[in-house]
């Protein structure tokens, strides 16, 4: 009976030791889960902040585009109101834009003129004079 009692005590000590190990493992797991939850909450907050900033930037860009469109329309109306020929070209001497008077003279719309050179629009002699005058 004494041996049996000793075995039971050993068994209880074993169980207690195992219980302490499991308890510590459970505490470690809980700490790890709490850290993961905190990390995810922080990541979600950061994601929301980024989304808020992106939304704000999109709104600002939309407003800037509207304002640019209005300014472009106003500038276009001034250019079109002028009876003078108004056009502008890039470094490659290609038309980048023009006013209504230029469209009427060439018989081409601004969209059709964009990308063309004076040689595409006029005869050789006139195109050379246009380029010479512009330089």
C-alpha atoms as a PDB file:
ATOM      1  CA  UNK A   1       0.000   0.000   0.000  1.00  0.00           C
ATOM      2  CA  UNK A   2       2.916   2.257   0.692  1.00  0.00           C
ATOM      3  CA  UNK A   3       4.344   1.517  -2.756  1.00  0.00           C
ATOM      4  CA  UNK A   4       0.999   2.152  -4.274  1.00  0.00           C
ATOM      5  CA  UNK A   5       0.765   5.462  -2.438  1.00  0.00           C
ATOM      6  CA  UNK A   6       4.286   6.383  -3.587  1.00  0.00           C
ATOM      7  CA  UNK A   7       3.328   5.572  -7.209  1.00  0.00           C
ATOM      8  CA  UNK A   8       0.223   7.727  -6.878  1.00  0.00           C
ATOM      9  CA  UNK A   9       2.284  10.587  -5.438  1.00  0.00           C
ATOM     10  CA  UNK A  10       4.784  10.201  -8.316  1.00  0.00           C
ATOM     11  CA  UNK A  11       1.918  10.119 -10.784  1.00  0.00           C
ATOM     12  CA  UNK A  12       0.389  13.249  -9.209  1.00  0.00           C
ATOM     13  CA  UNK A  13       3.754  15.040  -9.352  1.00  0.00           C
ATOM     14  CA  UNK A  14       4.117  14.034 -12.990  1.00  0.00           C
ATOM     15  CA  UNK A  15       0.622  15.307 -13.716  1.00  0.00           C
ATOM     16  CA  UNK A  16       1.328  18.540 -11.835  1.00  0.00           C
ATOM     17  CA  UNK A  17       4.563  19.041 -13.763  1.00  0.00           C
ATOM     18  CA  UNK A  18       2.762  18.356 -17.049  1.00  0.00           C
ATOM     19  CA  UNK A  19      -0.052  20.690 -15.984  1.00  0.00           C
ATOM     20  CA  UNK A  20       2.465  23.476 -15.238  1.00  0.00           C
ATOM     21  CA  UNK A  21       4.094  22.956 -18.659  1.00  0.00           C
ATOM     22  CA  UNK A  22       0.733  23.077 -20.415  1.00  0.00           C
ATOM     23  CA  UNK A  23      -0.289  26.110 -18.386  1.00  0.00           C
ATOM     24  CA  UNK A  24       2.933  27.918 -19.365  1.00  0.00           C
ATOM     25  CA  UNK A  25       2.455  26.914 -23.010  1.00  0.00           C
ATOM     26  CA  UNK A  26      -1.110  28.220 -22.866  1.00  0.00           C
ATOM     27  CA  UNK A  27       0.101  31.539 -21.390  1.00  0.00           C
ATOM     28  CA  UNK A  28       2.737  31.812 -24.121  1.00  0.00           C
ATOM     29  CA  UNK A  29       0.131  31.082 -26.803  1.00  0.00           C
ATOM     30  CA  UNK A  30      -2.237  33.657 -25.321  1.00  0.00           C
ATOM     31  CA  UNK A  31       0.557  36.259 -25.254  1.00  0.00           C
ATOM     32  CA  UNK A  32       1.424  35.456 -28.865  1.00  0.00           C
ATOM     33  CA  UNK A  33      -2.230  35.702 -29.923  1.00  0.00           C
ATOM     34  CA  UNK A  34      -2.640  39.000 -28.084  1.00  0.00           C
ATOM     35  CA  UNK A  35       0.463  40.336 -29.858  1.00  0.00           C
ATOM     36  CA  UNK A  36      -0.885  39.166 -33.233  1.00  0.00           C
ATOM     37  CA  UNK A  37      -4.238  40.813 -32.491  1.00  0.00           C
ATOM     38  CA  UNK A  38      -2.487  44.063 -31.526  1.00  0.00           C
ATOM     39  CA  UNK A  39      -0.364  43.895 -34.710  1.00  0.00           C
ATOM     40  CA  UNK A  40      -3.442  43.309 -36.860  1.00  0.00           C
ATOM     41  CA  UNK A  41      -5.331  46.156 -35.195  1.00  0.00           C
ATOM     42  CA  UNK A  42      -2.352  48.454 -35.802  1.00  0.00           C
ATOM     43  CA  UNK A  43      -2.068  47.291 -39.426  1.00  0.00           C
ATOM     44  CA  UNK A  44      -5.792  47.888 -39.963  1.00  0.00           C
ATOM     45  CA  UNK A  45      -5.530  51.380 -38.461  1.00  0.00           C
ATOM     46  CA  UNK A  46      -2.577  52.147 -40.742  1.00  0.00           C
ATOM     47  CA  UNK A  47      -4.483  50.762 -43.734  1.00  0.00           C
ATOM     48  CA  UNK A  48      -7.445  52.992 -42.902  1.00  0.00           C
ATOM     49  CA  UNK A  49      -5.146  56.016 -42.603  1.00  0.00           C
ATOM     50  CA  UNK A  50      -3.591  55.253 -45.994  1.00  0.00           C
ATOM     51  CA  UNK A  51      -7.035  54.804 -47.543  1.00  0.00           C
ATOM     52  CA  UNK A  52      -8.138  58.118 -46.043  1.00  0.00           C
ATOM     53  CA  UNK A  53      -5.058  59.874 -47.448  1.00  0.00           C
ATOM     54  CA  UNK A  54      -5.594  58.267 -50.859  1.00  0.00           C
ATOM     55  CA  UNK A  55      -9.240  59.323 -50.873  1.00  0.00           C
ATOM     56  CA  UNK A  56      -8.226  62.864 -49.947  1.00  0.00           C
ATOM     57  CA  UNK A  57      -5.567  62.906 -52.678  1.00  0.00           C
ATOM     58  CA  UNK A  58      -8.073  61.621 -55.233  1.00  0.00           C
ATOM     59  CA  UNK A  59     -10.524  64.366 -54.281  1.00  0.00           C
ATOM     60  CA  UNK A  60      -7.776  66.989 -54.578  1.00  0.00           C
ATOM     61  CA  UNK A  61      -6.764  65.646 -57.981  1.00  0.00           C
ATOM     62  CA  UNK A  62     -10.363  65.656 -59.169  1.00  0.00           C
ATOM     63  CA  UNK A  63     -10.725  69.281 -58.069  1.00  0.00           C
ATOM     64  CA  UNK A  64      -7.429  70.170 -59.749  1.00  0.00           C
ATOM     65  CA  UNK A  65      -8.585  68.463 -62.954  1.00  0.00           C
ATOM     66  CA  UNK A  66     -11.866  70.377 -62.880  1.00  0.00           C
ATOM     67  CA  UNK A  67      -9.998  73.638 -62.306  1.00  0.00           C
ATOM     68  CA  UNK A  68      -7.533  72.816 -65.085  1.00  0.00           C
ATOM     69  CA  UNK A  69     -10.412  72.011 -67.420  1.00  0.00           C
ATOM     70  CA  UNK A  70     -12.056  75.325 -66.615  1.00  0.00           C
ATOM     71  CA  UNK A  71      -8.811  77.221 -67.151  1.00  0.00           C
ATOM     72  CA  UNK A  72      -8.195  75.378 -70.423  1.00  0.00           C
ATOM     73  CA  UNK A  73     -11.707  76.185 -71.621  1.00  0.00           C
ATOM     74  CA  UNK A  74     -11.233  79.842 -70.691  1.00  0.00           C
ATOM     75  CA  UNK A  75      -7.883  80.001 -72.470  1.00  0.00           C
ATOM     76  CA  UNK A  76      -9.352  78.252 -75.499  1.00  0.00           C
ATOM     77  CA  UNK A  77     -12.220  80.774 -75.616  1.00  0.00           C
ATOM     78  CA  UNK A  78      -9.712  83.662 -75.558  1.00  0.00           C
ATOM     79  CA  UNK A  79      -7.636  82.076 -78.318  1.00  0.00           C
ATOM     80  CA  UNK A  80     -10.686  81.294 -80.439  1.00  0.00           C
ATOM     81  CA  UNK A  81     -11.983  84.851 -80.044  1.00  0.00           C
ATOM     82  CA  UNK A  82      -8.813  86.213 -81.633  1.00  0.00           C
ATOM     83  CA  UNK A  83      -8.891  86.710 -85.400  1.00  0.00           C
ATOM     84  CA  UNK A  84      -5.103  86.189 -85.442  1.00  0.00           C
ATOM     85  CA  UNK A  85      -3.614  82.803 -86.241  1.00  0.00           C
ATOM     86  CA  UNK A  86      -2.482  81.229 -82.998  1.00  0.00           C
ATOM     87  CA  UNK A  87      -0.674  77.913 -82.942  1.00  0.00           C
ATOM     88  CA  UNK A  88       2.092  76.312 -80.965  1.00  0.00           C
ATOM     89  CA  UNK A  89       4.494  73.543 -81.823  1.00  0.00           C
ATOM     90  CA  UNK A  90       6.834  71.238 -79.934  1.00  0.00           C
ATOM     91  CA  UNK A  91      10.625  70.906 -80.331  1.00  0.00           C
ATOM     92  CA  UNK A  92      10.124  68.624 -83.345  1.00  0.00           C
ATOM     93  CA  UNK A  93       8.169  71.427 -85.044  1.00  0.00           C
ATOM     94  CA  UNK A  94       4.926  69.427 -84.771  1.00  0.00           C
ATOM     95  CA  UNK A  95       1.725  71.302 -84.007  1.00  0.00           C
ATOM     96  CA  UNK A  96       0.604  70.903 -80.394  1.00  0.00           C
ATOM     97  CA  UNK A  97      -2.441  73.146 -80.561  1.00  0.00           C
ATOM     98  CA  UNK A  98      -4.079  76.088 -82.307  1.00  0.00           C
ATOM     99  CA  UNK A  99      -7.049  78.434 -82.302  1.00  0.00           C
ATOM    100  CA  UNK A 100     -10.187  78.455 -84.435  1.00  0.00           C
ATOM    101  CA  UNK A 101      -8.695  80.886 -86.992  1.00  0.00           C
ATOM    102  CA  UNK A 102      -5.899  78.395 -87.687  1.00  0.00           C
ATOM    103  CA  UNK A 103      -8.443  75.590 -88.081  1.00  0.00           C
ATOM    104  CA  UNK A 104     -10.400  77.673 -90.603  1.00  0.00           C
ATOM    105  CA  UNK A 105      -7.258  78.588 -92.558  1.00  0.00           C
ATOM    106  CA  UNK A 106      -5.961  75.018 -92.811  1.00  0.00           C
ATOM    107  CA  UNK A 107      -9.329  73.296 -93.066  1.00  0.00           C
ATOM    108  CA  UNK A 108      -8.240  70.910 -90.318  1.00  0.00           C
ATOM    109  CA  UNK A 109      -9.404  70.636 -86.736  1.00  0.00           C
ATOM    110  CA  UNK A 110      -6.970  71.104 -83.877  1.00  0.00           C
ATOM    111  CA  UNK A 111      -7.016  67.344 -83.285  1.00  0.00           C
ATOM    112  CA  UNK A 112      -6.118  66.732 -86.924  1.00  0.00           C
ATOM    113  CA  UNK A 113      -3.270  69.270 -86.784  1.00  0.00           C
ATOM    114  CA  UNK A 114      -1.675  67.907 -83.627  1.00  0.00           C
ATOM    115  CA  UNK A 115       1.421  65.910 -84.543  1.00  0.00           C
ATOM    116  CA  UNK A 116       1.706  67.380 -88.059  1.00  0.00           C
ATOM    117  CA  UNK A 117       4.549  69.636 -89.184  1.00  0.00           C
ATOM    118  CA  UNK A 118       4.135  72.710 -91.391  1.00  0.00           C
ATOM    119  CA  UNK A 119       5.350  70.521 -94.278  1.00  0.00           C
ATOM    120  CA  UNK A 120       2.335  68.227 -93.703  1.00  0.00           C
ATOM    121  CA  UNK A 121      -0.067  71.176 -93.782  1.00  0.00           C
ATOM    122  CA  UNK A 122       1.385  73.619 -96.327  1.00  0.00           C
ATOM    123  CA  UNK A 123       3.313  73.411 -99.539  1.00  0.00           C
ATOM    124  CA  UNK A 124       7.120  73.250 -99.406  1.00  0.00           C
ATOM    125  CA  UNK A 125       7.733  76.978 -99.947  1.00  0.00           C
ATOM    126  CA  UNK A 126       5.135  78.172 -97.417  1.00  0.00           C
ATOM    127  CA  UNK A 127       6.224  75.586 -94.843  1.00  0.00           C
ATOM    128  CA  UNK A 128       9.837  76.767 -95.100  1.00  0.00           C
ATOM    129  CA  UNK A 129       8.725  80.395 -94.631  1.00  0.00           C
ATOM    130  CA  UNK A 130       6.569  79.452 -91.615  1.00  0.00           C
ATOM    131  CA  UNK A 131       9.472  77.663 -89.952  1.00  0.00           C
ATOM    132  CA  UNK A 132      11.882  80.477 -90.843  1.00  0.00           C
ATOM    133  CA  UNK A 133       9.485  83.085 -89.414  1.00  0.00           C
ATOM    134  CA  UNK A 134       8.978  81.116 -86.204  1.00  0.00           C
ATOM    135  CA  UNK A 135      12.692  80.797 -85.576  1.00  0.00           C
END
